[in-house]
Amino acid sequence: MSKVRLENISKVYQRGDAPAVVDFSLEVEDGEFLVLVGPSGCGKSTTLRMVAGLELPTDGRIFIGEKDVTGLPPKDRDIAMVFQNYALYPHMSVRDNMAFALKLHKFPKDEIKRRVESVAQSLGLEPYMKRLPKALSGGQRQRVALARAIVREPAVFLFDEPLSNLDAKMRVEMRAEIIRLHQRLGTTMIYVTHDQTEAMTMGDRIVVMKSGEIQQAAPPLEIYEKPANEFVASFIGTPPMNLFPRGTLEPDAIVGIRPEHIAVLPSQAVSSARHGNGDMLNAKIDFLEPLGPETLVHILAFDVKVPVIARMPGFCSFRHGEEVLIALDRTKSVSFPRP
């Protein structure tokens, strides 16, 4: 049983400082892959470190399974943590790095050998077992850090931005590796990232944080299609949701529309277009971002005080300054009324 429960967790580092985490309550289901995401300083890593026992909460309680671990040191929490900077012992071989924690806990030699060899095979590390970390690439080092965590067979895996030091290609490969790892082990995992693409592609559920507080906790598709507030709408999605100011499309609400729900049409495509009817706006092209399978069209809509981005399939023949019509699919829009 590896459910994780946080009850009204808060963290203040020094008296008089703004809290890093505020009244955070959440239950992570057994076997769930939960992602904490948000901008720098939002409290996501502090929350993870409190689960790990590297930080003690100012208020609240933390449970792993049914055990209250709030005051326990990390070694007594049955967790394994993978860090951003790998944290490998530079003087130890890959094999010894993987086996070190098991030796500390006095596992039998045969059991250590079995676990290390099994995990090394599953992660493709067998050719590197005698190498020191300095003789490995960044991706190989992160794979060793994963392997060292896996051999412990913990109740909970904790990941603190483990891919941020890798290049783009290696991030994609390691992201797939961690997804496969979760599918194979079925162990509870809590993953911290500032990269909303990682959050969307990896998590069973995403917790979006801002200023130490939960803004929304939901499956990725729900957060994408039905963001709880303007912050979530603007943070999740690449490019982010277009937010039309109050009075533009609705009198008392900000309206959000994803770029793929805006069509760009030549100005002559419709004989007459009424600006402000909520479905069609007069506009002109600012610039294009051709990406191969799609093009991001940056638009300046007349009388709208914010830029608009549309996602169009393939390549577009529009030019800078060309007058166009943008058609808004209001069946897919989200309204954010005044608080």
C-alpha atoms as a PDB file:
ATOM      1  CA  MET A   1       0.000   0.000   0.000  1.00  0.00           C
ATOM      2  CA  SER A   2       1.729   3.212  -1.172  1.00  0.00           C
ATOM      3  CA  LYS A   3      -0.904   5.912  -1.098  1.00  0.00           C
ATOM      4  CA  VAL A   4       0.478   9.351  -0.140  1.00  0.00           C
ATOM      5  CA  ARG A   5      -1.687  11.816   1.771  1.00  0.00           C
ATOM      6  CA  LEU A   6      -0.836  15.429   2.593  1.00  0.00           C
ATOM      7  CA  GLU A   7      -3.098  17.132   5.112  1.00  0.00           C
ATOM      8  CA  ASN A   8      -3.038  20.948   5.288  1.00  0.00           C
ATOM      9  CA  ILE A   9       0.707  21.176   4.677  1.00  0.00           C
ATOM     10  CA  SER A  10       2.332  24.603   4.988  1.00  0.00           C
ATOM     11  CA  LYS A  11       5.955  25.689   4.919  1.00  0.00           C
ATOM     12  CA  VAL A  12       7.452  28.998   6.074  1.00  0.00           C
ATOM     13  CA  TYR A  13      11.255  29.141   5.989  1.00  0.00           C
ATOM     14  CA  GLN A  14      11.739  32.240   8.163  1.00  0.00           C
ATOM     15  CA  ARG A  15       9.414  34.269  10.314  1.00  0.00           C
ATOM     16  CA  GLY A  16       8.052  37.184   8.317  1.00  0.00           C
ATOM     17  CA  ASP A  17       8.618  35.496   4.933  1.00  0.00           C
ATOM     18  CA  ALA A  18       5.754  34.662   2.608  1.00  0.00           C
ATOM     19  CA  PRO A  19       4.919  30.941   2.934  1.00  0.00           C
ATOM     20  CA  ALA A  20       6.504  28.668   0.331  1.00  0.00           C
ATOM     21  CA  VAL A  21       3.549  26.264   0.553  1.00  0.00           C
ATOM     22  CA  VAL A  22       0.083  27.202   1.823  1.00  0.00           C
ATOM     23  CA  ASP A  23      -2.483  24.770   3.287  1.00  0.00           C
ATOM     24  CA  PHE A  24      -1.705  22.074   0.707  1.00  0.00           C
ATOM     25  CA  SER A  25      -4.033  19.041   0.935  1.00  0.00           C
ATOM     26  CA  LEU A  26      -3.882  16.197  -1.570  1.00  0.00           C
ATOM     27  CA  GLU A  27      -4.208  12.422  -1.796  1.00  0.00           C
ATOM     28  CA  VAL A  28      -2.030  10.509  -4.266  1.00  0.00           C
ATOM     29  CA  GLU A  29      -3.576   7.146  -5.089  1.00  0.00           C
ATOM     30  CA  ASP A  30      -1.676   3.877  -4.893  1.00  0.00           C
ATOM     31  CA  GLY A  31       0.136   3.409  -8.215  1.00  0.00           C
ATOM     32  CA  GLU A  32      -0.699   6.903  -9.500  1.00  0.00           C
ATOM     33  CA  PHE A  33       1.743   9.034 -11.508  1.00  0.00           C
ATOM     34  CA  LEU A  34       1.172  12.542 -10.127  1.00  0.00           C
ATOM     35  CA  VAL A  35       2.899  15.603 -11.583  1.00  0.00           C
ATOM     36  CA  LEU A  36       3.411  18.864  -9.692  1.00  0.00           C
ATOM     37  CA  VAL A  37       3.871  21.686 -12.196  1.00  0.00           C
ATOM     38  CA  GLY A  38       4.179  25.442 -12.001  1.00  0.00           C
ATOM     39  CA  PRO A  39       6.589  28.342 -12.494  1.00  0.00           C
ATOM     40  CA  SER A  40       9.803  28.750 -10.507  1.00  0.00           C
ATOM     41  CA  GLY A  41       9.111  29.566  -6.859  1.00  0.00           C
ATOM     42  CA  CYS A  42       5.584  28.131  -6.830  1.00  0.00           C
ATOM     43  CA  GLY A  43       6.401  25.614  -4.052  1.00  0.00           C
ATOM     44  CA  LYS A  44       6.400  22.387  -6.046  1.00  0.00           C
ATOM     45  CA  SER A  45       9.944  21.276  -5.096  1.00  0.00           C
ATOM     46  CA  THR A  46       9.389  22.308  -1.474  1.00  0.00           C
ATOM     47  CA  THR A  47       6.273  20.103  -1.407  1.00  0.00           C
ATOM     48  CA  LEU A  48       8.226  17.166  -2.835  1.00  0.00           C
ATOM     49  CA  ARG A  49      11.060  17.667  -0.359  1.00  0.00           C
ATOM     50  CA  MET A  50       8.565  17.593   2.510  1.00  0.00           C
ATOM     51  CA  VAL A  51       7.247  14.254   1.254  1.00  0.00           C
ATOM     52  CA  ALA A  52      10.855  13.036   1.093  1.00  0.00           C
ATOM     53  CA  GLY A  53      11.673  14.267   4.598  1.00  0.00           C
ATOM     54  CA  LEU A  54      14.335  16.691   3.382  1.00  0.00           C
ATOM     55  CA  GLU A  55      12.188  19.565   4.679  1.00  0.00           C
ATOM     56  CA  LEU A  56       9.842  19.512   7.667  1.00  0.00           C
ATOM     57  CA  PRO A  57       6.432  21.174   7.289  1.00  0.00           C
ATOM     58  CA  THR A  58       5.626  24.158   9.454  1.00  0.00           C
ATOM     59  CA  ASP A  59       2.074  22.830   9.765  1.00  0.00           C
ATOM     60  CA  GLY A  60       0.177  19.752   8.643  1.00  0.00           C
ATOM     61  CA  ARG A  61       0.816  16.029   8.394  1.00  0.00           C
ATOM     62  CA  ILE A  62       2.149  13.627   5.753  1.00  0.00           C
ATOM     63  CA  PHE A  63       1.152   9.973   5.431  1.00  0.00           C
ATOM     64  CA  ILE A  64       2.701   7.240   3.284  1.00  0.00           C
ATOM     65  CA  GLY A  65       0.317   4.329   3.312  1.00  0.00           C
ATOM     66  CA  GLU A  66      -1.359   4.603   6.689  1.00  0.00           C
ATOM     67  CA  LYS A  67       1.862   5.646   8.433  1.00  0.00           C
ATOM     68  CA  ASP A  68       2.309   9.204   9.675  1.00  0.00           C
ATOM     69  CA  VAL A  69       5.822  10.061   8.450  1.00  0.00           C
ATOM     70  CA  THR A  70       5.720  13.804   9.199  1.00  0.00           C
ATOM     71  CA  GLY A  71       8.653  13.732  11.617  1.00  0.00           C
ATOM     72  CA  LEU A  72      10.550  10.724  10.233  1.00  0.00           C
ATOM     73  CA  PRO A  73      13.942  11.023   8.501  1.00  0.00           C
ATOM     74  CA  PRO A  74      14.122  10.139   4.778  1.00  0.00           C
ATOM     75  CA  LYS A  75      15.648   6.702   5.402  1.00  0.00           C
ATOM     76  CA  ASP A  76      12.551   5.605   7.322  1.00  0.00           C
ATOM     77  CA  ARG A  77       9.974   6.686   4.713  1.00  0.00           C
ATOM     78  CA  ASP A  78      10.427   3.911   2.126  1.00  0.00           C
ATOM     79  CA  ILE A  79      10.955   6.395  -0.701  1.00  0.00           C
ATOM     80  CA  ALA A  80      13.561   6.795  -3.439  1.00  0.00           C
ATOM     81  CA  MET A  81      14.351  10.174  -4.977  1.00  0.00           C
ATOM     82  CA  VAL A  82      15.845  11.092  -8.350  1.00  0.00           C
ATOM     83  CA  PHE A  83      17.375  14.567  -8.485  1.00  0.00           C
ATOM     84  CA  GLN A  84      18.070  17.074 -11.256  1.00  0.00           C
ATOM     85  CA  ASN A  85      21.841  16.814 -10.813  1.00  0.00           C
ATOM     86  CA  TYR A  86      22.056  12.965 -10.772  1.00  0.00           C
ATOM     87  CA  ALA A  87      23.817  12.941  -7.343  1.00  0.00           C
ATOM     88  CA  LEU A  88      26.036   9.969  -8.251  1.00  0.00           C
ATOM     89  CA  TYR A  89      29.161   9.099  -6.259  1.00  0.00           C
ATOM     90  CA  PRO A  90      31.995  10.108  -8.635  1.00  0.00           C
ATOM     91  CA  HIS A  91      34.527   7.596  -7.269  1.00  0.00           C
ATOM     92  CA  MET A  92      32.157   4.610  -7.589  1.00  0.00           C
ATOM     93  CA  SER A  93      31.412   2.534 -10.670  1.00  0.00           C
ATOM     94  CA  VAL A  94      27.892   2.295 -12.067  1.00  0.00           C
ATOM     95  CA  ARG A  95      27.495  -1.086 -10.361  1.00  0.00           C
ATOM     96  CA  ASP A  96      28.617   0.269  -6.992  1.00  0.00           C
ATOM     97  CA  ASN A  97      26.409   3.349  -7.296  1.00  0.00           C
ATOM     98  CA  MET A  98      23.422   1.101  -7.899  1.00  0.00           C
ATOM     99  CA  ALA A  99      24.278  -1.261  -5.050  1.00  0.00           C
ATOM    100  CA  PHE A 100      25.324   1.312  -2.438  1.00  0.00           C
ATOM    101  CA  ALA A 101      21.970   1.860  -0.692  1.00  0.00           C
ATOM    102  CA  LEU A 102      21.293  -1.881  -0.576  1.00  0.00           C
ATOM    103  CA  LYS A 103      24.676  -2.476   1.042  1.00  0.00           C
ATOM    104  CA  LEU A 104      23.935   0.216   3.638  1.00  0.00           C
ATOM    105  CA  HIS A 105      20.722  -1.602   4.517  1.00  0.00           C
ATOM    106  CA  LYS A 106      22.690  -4.859   4.755  1.00  0.00           C
ATOM    107  CA  PHE A 107      20.840  -6.776   2.051  1.00  0.00           C
ATOM    108  CA  PRO A 108      22.279 -10.244   1.299  1.00  0.00           C
ATOM    109  CA  LYS A 109      24.917 -10.241  -1.451  1.00  0.00           C
ATOM    110  CA  ASP A 110      22.878 -12.565  -3.665  1.00  0.00           C
ATOM    111  CA  GLU A 111      19.838 -10.280  -3.425  1.00  0.00           C
ATOM    112  CA  ILE A 112      21.942  -7.201  -4.239  1.00  0.00           C
ATOM    113  CA  LYS A 113      23.430  -8.961  -7.263  1.00  0.00           C
ATOM    114  CA  ARG A 114      20.001 -10.088  -8.476  1.00  0.00           C
ATOM    115  CA  ARG A 115      18.434  -6.637  -8.201  1.00  0.00           C
ATOM    116  CA  VAL A 116      21.367  -4.756  -9.722  1.00  0.00           C
ATOM    117  CA  GLU A 117      21.685  -7.095 -12.716  1.00  0.00           C
ATOM    118  CA  SER A 118      17.938  -7.153 -13.353  1.00  0.00           C
ATOM    119  CA  VAL A 119      17.610  -3.356 -13.336  1.00  0.00           C
ATOM    120  CA  ALA A 120      20.790  -2.873 -15.369  1.00  0.00           C
ATOM    121  CA  GLN A 121      19.386  -5.161 -18.052  1.00  0.00           C
ATOM    122  CA  SER A 122      16.001  -3.408 -18.113  1.00  0.00           C
ATOM    123  CA  LEU A 123      17.604   0.043 -18.515  1.00  0.00           C
ATOM    124  CA  GLY A 124      20.322  -0.999 -20.964  1.00  0.00           C
ATOM    125  CA  LEU A 125      23.181  -0.293 -18.543  1.00  0.00           C
ATOM    126  CA  GLU A 126      25.011  -3.627 -18.783  1.00  0.00           C
ATOM    127  CA  PRO A 127      27.842  -2.314 -21.037  1.00  0.00           C
ATOM    128  CA  TYR A 128      28.621   0.490 -18.549  1.00  0.00           C
ATOM    129  CA  MET A 129      28.656  -1.276 -15.195  1.00  0.00           C
ATOM    130  CA  LYS A 130      32.411  -0.813 -14.604  1.00  0.00           C
ATOM    131  CA  ARG A 131      32.524   2.831 -15.698  1.00  0.00           C
ATOM    132  CA  LEU A 132      32.774   5.832 -13.411  1.00  0.00           C
ATOM    133  CA  PRO A 133      30.120   8.576 -13.832  1.00  0.00           C
ATOM    134  CA  LYS A 134      32.634  10.894 -15.554  1.00  0.00           C
ATOM    135  CA  ALA A 135      32.846   8.378 -18.413  1.00  0.00           C
ATOM    136  CA  LEU A 136      29.068   8.537 -19.067  1.00  0.00           C
ATOM    137  CA  SER A 137      26.915  10.907 -21.079  1.00  0.00           C
ATOM    138  CA  GLY A 138      24.239  12.996 -19.362  1.00  0.00           C
ATOM    139  CA  GLY A 139      21.507  10.606 -20.438  1.00  0.00           C
ATOM    140  CA  GLN A 140      23.486   7.594 -19.187  1.00  0.00           C
ATOM    141  CA  ARG A 141      24.083   9.283 -15.817  1.00  0.00           C
ATOM    142  CA  GLN A 142      20.373   9.986 -15.432  1.00  0.00           C
ATOM    143  CA  ARG A 143      19.649   6.365 -16.315  1.00  0.00           C
ATOM    144  CA  VAL A 144      22.028   5.279 -13.551  1.00  0.00           C
ATOM    145  CA  ALA A 145      20.262   7.604 -11.113  1.00  0.00           C
ATOM    146  CA  LEU A 146      16.967   5.968 -12.101  1.00  0.00           C
ATOM    147  CA  ALA A 147      18.482   2.512 -11.713  1.00  0.00           C
ATOM    148  CA  ARG A 148      19.807   3.340  -8.237  1.00  0.00           C
ATOM    149  CA  ALA A 149      16.281   4.330  -7.207  1.00  0.00           C
ATOM    150  CA  ILE A 150      14.626   1.288  -8.794  1.00  0.00           C
ATOM    151  CA  VAL A 151      16.843  -1.318  -7.118  1.00  0.00           C
ATOM    152  CA  ARG A 152      15.580  -0.163  -3.730  1.00  0.00           C
ATOM    153  CA  GLU A 153      12.012  -1.186  -4.686  1.00  0.00           C
ATOM    154  CA  PRO A 154      10.523   1.675  -2.628  1.00  0.00           C
ATOM    155  CA  ALA A 155       6.863   2.353  -1.890  1.00  0.00           C
ATOM    156  CA  VAL A 156       7.095   5.765  -3.589  1.00  0.00           C
ATOM    157  CA  PHE A 157       9.349   7.293  -6.244  1.00  0.00           C
ATOM    158  CA  LEU A 158      10.003  11.042  -6.097  1.00  0.00           C
ATOM    159  CA  PHE A 159      11.411  12.951  -9.088  1.00  0.00           C
ATOM    160  CA  ASP A 160      12.678  16.528  -8.754  1.00  0.00           C
ATOM    161  CA  GLU A 161      13.011  17.958 -12.294  1.00  0.00           C
ATOM    162  CA  PRO A 162      15.173  14.998 -13.353  1.00  0.00           C
ATOM    163  CA  LEU A 163      15.336  15.890 -17.062  1.00  0.00           C
ATOM    164  CA  SER A 164      16.063  19.615 -16.952  1.00  0.00           C
ATOM    165  CA  ASN A 165      19.819  19.185 -17.519  1.00  0.00           C
ATOM    166  CA  LEU A 166      19.370  17.086 -20.681  1.00  0.00           C
ATOM    167  CA  ASP A 167      19.151  18.295 -24.264  1.00  0.00           C
ATOM    168  CA  ALA A 168      15.810  18.228 -26.084  1.00  0.00           C
ATOM    169  CA  LYS A 169      16.314  14.862 -27.807  1.00  0.00           C
ATOM    170  CA  MET A 170      17.510  13.166 -24.636  1.00  0.00           C
ATOM    171  CA  ARG A 171      14.600  14.633 -22.645  1.00  0.00           C
ATOM    172  CA  VAL A 172      12.140  12.965 -25.024  1.00  0.00           C
ATOM    173  CA  GLU A 173      13.961   9.631 -24.709  1.00  0.00           C
ATOM    174  CA  MET A 174      14.161   9.766 -20.914  1.00  0.00           C
ATOM    175  CA  ARG A 175      10.551  10.871 -20.653  1.00  0.00           C
ATOM    176  CA  ALA A 176       9.551   7.709 -22.508  1.00  0.00           C
ATOM    177  CA  GLU A 177      11.860   5.677 -20.257  1.00  0.00           C
ATOM    178  CA  ILE A 178      10.145   6.950 -17.103  1.00  0.00           C
ATOM    179  CA  ILE A 179       6.669   6.352 -18.561  1.00  0.00           C
ATOM    180  CA  ARG A 180       7.623   2.761 -19.407  1.00  0.00           C
ATOM    181  CA  LEU A 181       9.122   2.379 -15.935  1.00  0.00           C
ATOM    182  CA  HIS A 182       5.848   3.388 -14.309  1.00  0.00           C
ATOM    183  CA  GLN A 183       3.867   1.055 -16.564  1.00  0.00           C
ATOM    184  CA  ARG A 184       6.170  -1.826 -15.650  1.00  0.00           C
ATOM    185  CA  LEU A 185       6.437  -1.235 -11.898  1.00  0.00           C
ATOM    186  CA  GLY A 186       3.043   0.297 -11.117  1.00  0.00           C
ATOM    187  CA  THR A 187       4.622   2.137  -8.171  1.00  0.00           C
ATOM    188  CA  THR A 188       3.332   5.473  -6.877  1.00  0.00           C
ATOM    189  CA  MET A 189       5.335   8.307  -8.437  1.00  0.00           C
ATOM    190  CA  ILE A 190       5.362  12.036  -7.707  1.00  0.00           C
ATOM    191  CA  TYR A 191       7.146  14.087 -10.353  1.00  0.00           C
ATOM    192  CA  VAL A 192       8.060  17.791 -10.189  1.00  0.00           C
ATOM    193  CA  THR A 193       8.630  19.853 -13.320  1.00  0.00           C
ATOM    194  CA  HIS A 194       8.257  23.403 -14.630  1.00  0.00           C
ATOM    195  CA  ASP A 195       7.777  21.990 -18.138  1.00  0.00           C
ATOM    196  CA  GLN A 196       4.060  21.733 -18.886  1.00  0.00           C
ATOM    197  CA  THR A 197       4.786  19.416 -21.871  1.00  0.00           C
ATOM    198  CA  GLU A 198       6.304  16.889 -19.469  1.00  0.00           C
ATOM    199  CA  ALA A 199       3.309  17.286 -17.192  1.00  0.00           C
ATOM    200  CA  MET A 200       0.779  16.734 -19.979  1.00  0.00           C
ATOM    201  CA  THR A 201       2.515  13.698 -21.479  1.00  0.00           C
ATOM    202  CA  MET A 202       3.522  11.870 -18.292  1.00  0.00           C
ATOM    203  CA  GLY A 203       0.977  12.410 -15.540  1.00  0.00           C
ATOM    204  CA  ASP A 204      -2.169  10.453 -14.700  1.00  0.00           C
ATOM    205  CA  ARG A 205      -3.086  13.632 -12.853  1.00  0.00           C
ATOM    206  CA  ILE A 206      -1.565  17.112 -12.798  1.00  0.00           C
ATOM    207  CA  VAL A 207      -1.431  19.547  -9.896  1.00  0.00           C
ATOM    208  CA  VAL A 208      -0.882  23.105 -11.118  1.00  0.00           C
ATOM    209  CA  MET A 209       0.637  25.336  -8.425  1.00  0.00           C
ATOM    210  CA  LYS A 210       1.119  29.075  -8.022  1.00  0.00           C
ATOM    211  CA  SER A 211       2.489  30.966  -5.004  1.00  0.00           C
ATOM    212  CA  GLY A 212       2.446  27.826  -2.854  1.00  0.00           C
ATOM    213  CA  GLU A 213      -1.199  26.987  -3.540  1.00  0.00           C
ATOM    214  CA  ILE A 214      -3.016  24.427  -5.672  1.00  0.00           C
ATOM    215  CA  GLN A 215      -4.740  26.086  -8.627  1.00  0.00           C
ATOM    216  CA  GLN A 216      -6.178  22.890 -10.120  1.00  0.00           C
ATOM    217  CA  ALA A 217      -5.723  19.130  -9.683  1.00  0.00           C
ATOM    218  CA  ALA A 218      -7.152  17.013 -12.495  1.00  0.00           C
ATOM    219  CA  PRO A 219      -6.267  14.647 -15.378  1.00  0.00           C
ATOM    220  CA  PRO A 220      -4.278  16.304 -18.190  1.00  0.00           C
ATOM    221  CA  LEU A 221      -7.136  16.490 -20.702  1.00  0.00           C
ATOM    222  CA  GLU A 222      -9.496  18.076 -18.183  1.00  0.00           C
ATOM    223  CA  ILE A 223      -6.911  20.708 -17.267  1.00  0.00           C
ATOM    224  CA  TYR A 224      -6.301  21.431 -20.953  1.00  0.00           C
ATOM    225  CA  GLU A 225      -9.953  21.664 -21.970  1.00  0.00           C
ATOM    226  CA  LYS A 226     -11.456  23.063 -18.762  1.00  0.00           C
ATOM    227  CA  PRO A 227      -8.846  25.142 -16.920  1.00  0.00           C
ATOM    228  CA  ALA A 228     -10.068  26.300 -13.522  1.00  0.00           C
ATOM    229  CA  ASN A 229      -8.830  29.879 -13.869  1.00  0.00           C
ATOM    230  CA  GLU A 230      -6.894  32.270 -16.078  1.00  0.00           C
ATOM    231  CA  PHE A 231      -3.523  31.233 -14.629  1.00  0.00           C
ATOM    232  CA  VAL A 232      -4.025  27.556 -15.504  1.00  0.00           C
ATOM    233  CA  ALA A 233      -5.337  28.511 -18.957  1.00  0.00           C
ATOM    234  CA  SER A 234      -2.252  30.594 -19.703  1.00  0.00           C
ATOM    235  CA  PHE A 235       0.260  28.172 -18.145  1.00  0.00           C
ATOM    236  CA  ILE A 236      -0.889  24.881 -19.676  1.00  0.00           C
ATOM    237  CA  GLY A 237      -0.638  24.559 -23.448  1.00  0.00           C
ATOM    238  CA  THR A 238       1.965  25.383 -26.085  1.00  0.00           C
ATOM    239  CA  PRO A 239       1.124  27.960 -27.245  1.00  0.00           C
ATOM    240  CA  PRO A 240      -1.107  28.944 -24.322  1.00  0.00           C
ATOM    241  CA  MET A 241      -4.837  29.564 -24.472  1.00  0.00           C
ATOM    242  CA  ASN A 242      -5.878  32.890 -26.011  1.00  0.00           C
ATOM    243  CA  LEU A 243      -7.545  35.084 -23.390  1.00  0.00           C
ATOM    244  CA  PHE A 244      -9.937  37.740 -24.694  1.00  0.00           C
ATOM    245  CA  PRO A 245     -10.518  40.636 -22.255  1.00  0.00           C
ATOM    246  CA  ARG A 246     -13.846  41.317 -20.587  1.00  0.00           C
ATOM    247  CA  GLY A 247     -16.223  43.115 -22.906  1.00  0.00           C
ATOM    248  CA  THR A 248     -14.597  41.703 -26.059  1.00  0.00           C
ATOM    249  CA  LEU A 249     -16.626  38.521 -26.462  1.00  0.00           C
ATOM    250  CA  GLU A 250     -18.692  38.548 -23.261  1.00  0.00           C
ATOM    251  CA  PRO A 251     -19.663  41.590 -21.133  1.00  0.00           C
ATOM    252  CA  ASP A 252     -18.543  40.330 -17.706  1.00  0.00           C
ATOM    253  CA  ALA A 253     -16.126  37.497 -18.416  1.00  0.00           C
ATOM    254  CA  ILE A 254     -12.680  36.829 -19.837  1.00  0.00           C
ATOM    255  CA  VAL A 255     -13.038  34.233 -22.613  1.00  0.00           C
ATOM    256  CA  GLY A 256     -10.377  31.607 -23.327  1.00  0.00           C
ATOM    257  CA  ILE A 257     -10.038  29.827 -26.684  1.00  0.00           C
ATOM    258  CA  ARG A 258      -7.270  27.384 -27.606  1.00  0.00           C
ATOM    259  CA  PRO A 259      -5.286  28.171 -30.806  1.00  0.00           C
ATOM    260  CA  GLU A 260      -6.606  25.060 -32.582  1.00  0.00           C
ATOM    261  CA  HIS A 261     -10.168  26.362 -32.174  1.00  0.00           C
ATOM    262  CA  ILE A 262      -9.497  29.510 -34.203  1.00  0.00           C
ATOM    263  CA  ALA A 263      -9.663  29.344 -38.000  1.00  0.00           C
ATOM    264  CA  VAL A 264      -7.967  31.958 -40.187  1.00  0.00           C
ATOM    265  CA  LEU A 265      -9.772  32.819 -43.428  1.00  0.00           C
ATOM    266  CA  PRO A 266      -8.967  35.158 -46.343  1.00  0.00           C
ATOM    267  CA  SER A 267     -10.859  38.422 -45.950  1.00  0.00           C
ATOM    268  CA  GLN A 268     -12.864  37.765 -49.131  1.00  0.00           C
ATOM    269  CA  ALA A 269     -14.066  34.368 -47.840  1.00  0.00           C
ATOM    270  CA  VAL A 270     -17.059  35.967 -46.132  1.00  0.00           C
ATOM    271  CA  SER A 271     -18.930  38.769 -47.850  1.00  0.00           C
ATOM    272  CA  SER A 272     -19.660  40.622 -44.605  1.00  0.00           C
ATOM    273  CA  ALA A 273     -18.298  40.140 -41.114  1.00  0.00           C
ATOM    274  CA  ARG A 274     -19.591  41.895 -38.055  1.00  0.00           C
ATOM    275  CA  HIS A 275     -16.818  42.664 -35.612  1.00  0.00           C
ATOM    276  CA  GLY A 276     -17.648  41.625 -32.065  1.00  0.00           C
ATOM    277  CA  ASN A 277     -20.364  39.057 -32.775  1.00  0.00           C
ATOM    278  CA  GLY A 278     -18.343  36.470 -30.881  1.00  0.00           C
ATOM    279  CA  ASP A 279     -17.808  34.189 -33.895  1.00  0.00           C
ATOM    280  CA  MET A 280     -15.906  36.238 -36.455  1.00  0.00           C
ATOM    281  CA  LEU A 281     -13.366  39.040 -36.050  1.00  0.00           C
ATOM    282  CA  ASN A 282     -11.577  41.231 -38.571  1.00  0.00           C
ATOM    283  CA  ALA A 283      -7.807  41.014 -38.189  1.00  0.00           C
ATOM    284  CA  LYS A 284      -4.442  41.088 -39.917  1.00  0.00           C
ATOM    285  CA  ILE A 285      -1.440  38.763 -39.925  1.00  0.00           C
ATOM    286  CA  ASP A 286       1.450  39.728 -37.663  1.00  0.00           C
ATOM    287  CA  PHE A 287       3.834  36.831 -38.377  1.00  0.00           C
ATOM    288  CA  LEU A 288       3.929  33.060 -38.954  1.00  0.00           C
ATOM    289  CA  GLU A 289       5.784  30.220 -37.248  1.00  0.00           C
ATOM    290  CA  PRO A 290       5.887  27.285 -39.695  1.00  0.00           C
ATOM    291  CA  LEU A 291       6.639  24.071 -37.774  1.00  0.00           C
ATOM    292  CA  GLY A 292       6.198  21.468 -40.519  1.00  0.00           C
ATOM    293  CA  PRO A 293       2.972  19.629 -39.682  1.00  0.00           C
ATOM    294  CA  GLU A 294       1.404  22.879 -38.466  1.00  0.00           C
ATOM    295  CA  THR A 295       1.816  26.634 -38.544  1.00  0.00           C
ATOM    296  CA  LEU A 296       1.273  29.004 -35.632  1.00  0.00           C
ATOM    297  CA  VAL A 297      -0.370  32.142 -36.990  1.00  0.00           C
ATOM    298  CA  HIS A 298       0.139  35.269 -34.898  1.00  0.00           C
ATOM    299  CA  ILE A 299      -2.700  37.694 -35.471  1.00  0.00           C
ATOM    300  CA  LEU A 300      -3.579  41.267 -34.569  1.00  0.00           C
ATOM    301  CA  ALA A 301      -7.363  41.417 -34.220  1.00  0.00           C
ATOM    302  CA  PHE A 302      -8.860  44.875 -34.733  1.00  0.00           C
ATOM    303  CA  ASP A 303     -10.147  46.462 -31.520  1.00  0.00           C
ATOM    304  CA  VAL A 304      -8.892  43.531 -29.419  1.00  0.00           C
ATOM    305  CA  LYS A 305      -6.184  44.596 -26.999  1.00  0.00           C
ATOM    306  CA  VAL A 306      -4.246  41.304 -26.957  1.00  0.00           C
ATOM    307  CA  PRO A 307      -2.439  39.309 -29.663  1.00  0.00           C
ATOM    308  CA  VAL A 308      -4.141  36.126 -30.875  1.00  0.00           C
ATOM    309  CA  ILE A 309      -2.508  32.847 -31.913  1.00  0.00           C
ATOM    310  CA  ALA A 310      -4.165  30.282 -34.185  1.00  0.00           C
ATOM    311  CA  ARG A 311      -2.889  26.773 -34.937  1.00  0.00           C
ATOM    312  CA  MET A 312      -3.343  25.814 -38.589  1.00  0.00           C
ATOM    313  CA  PRO A 313      -2.480  22.450 -40.196  1.00  0.00           C
ATOM    314  CA  GLY A 314       0.475  22.304 -42.591  1.00  0.00           C
ATOM    315  CA  PHE A 315       1.896  25.431 -44.231  1.00  0.00           C
ATOM    316  CA  CYS A 316      -0.044  28.688 -44.653  1.00  0.00           C
ATOM    317  CA  SER A 317       0.249  31.135 -47.547  1.00  0.00           C
ATOM    318  CA  PHE A 318      -0.710  34.201 -45.504  1.00  0.00           C
ATOM    319  CA  ARG A 319       1.680  37.147 -45.483  1.00  0.00           C
ATOM    320  CA  HIS A 320       2.643  39.755 -42.913  1.00  0.00           C
ATOM    321  CA  GLY A 321       0.090  42.562 -42.823  1.00  0.00           C
ATOM    322  CA  GLU A 322      -2.541  40.657 -44.832  1.00  0.00           C
ATOM    323  CA  GLU A 323      -6.102  41.337 -43.694  1.00  0.00           C
ATOM    324  CA  VAL A 324      -8.001  38.196 -42.708  1.00  0.00           C
ATOM    325  CA  LEU A 325     -11.021  36.972 -40.802  1.00  0.00           C
ATOM    326  CA  ILE A 326     -10.671  34.780 -37.725  1.00  0.00           C
ATOM    327  CA  ALA A 327     -13.506  32.411 -36.889  1.00  0.00           C
ATOM    328  CA  LEU A 328     -13.824  31.466 -33.221  1.00  0.00           C
ATOM    329  CA  ASP A 329     -15.313  28.109 -32.235  1.00  0.00           C
ATOM    330  CA  ARG A 330     -17.283  29.277 -29.220  1.00  0.00           C
ATOM    331  CA  THR A 331     -18.475  25.722 -28.478  1.00  0.00           C
ATOM    332  CA  LYS A 332     -14.905  25.049 -27.288  1.00  0.00           C
ATOM    333  CA  SER A 333     -14.363  28.299 -25.395  1.00  0.00           C
ATOM    334  CA  VAL A 334     -14.100  28.723 -21.608  1.00  0.00           C
ATOM    335  CA  SER A 335     -15.435  31.711 -19.673  1.00  0.00           C
ATOM    336  CA  PHE A 336     -13.779  33.138 -16.568  1.00  0.00           C
ATOM    337  CA  PRO A 337     -16.299  35.435 -14.831  1.00  0.00           C
ATOM    338  CA  ARG A 338     -15.290  38.104 -12.374  1.00  0.00           C
ATOM    339  CA  PRO A 339     -14.238  36.641  -8.988  1.00  0.00           C
END
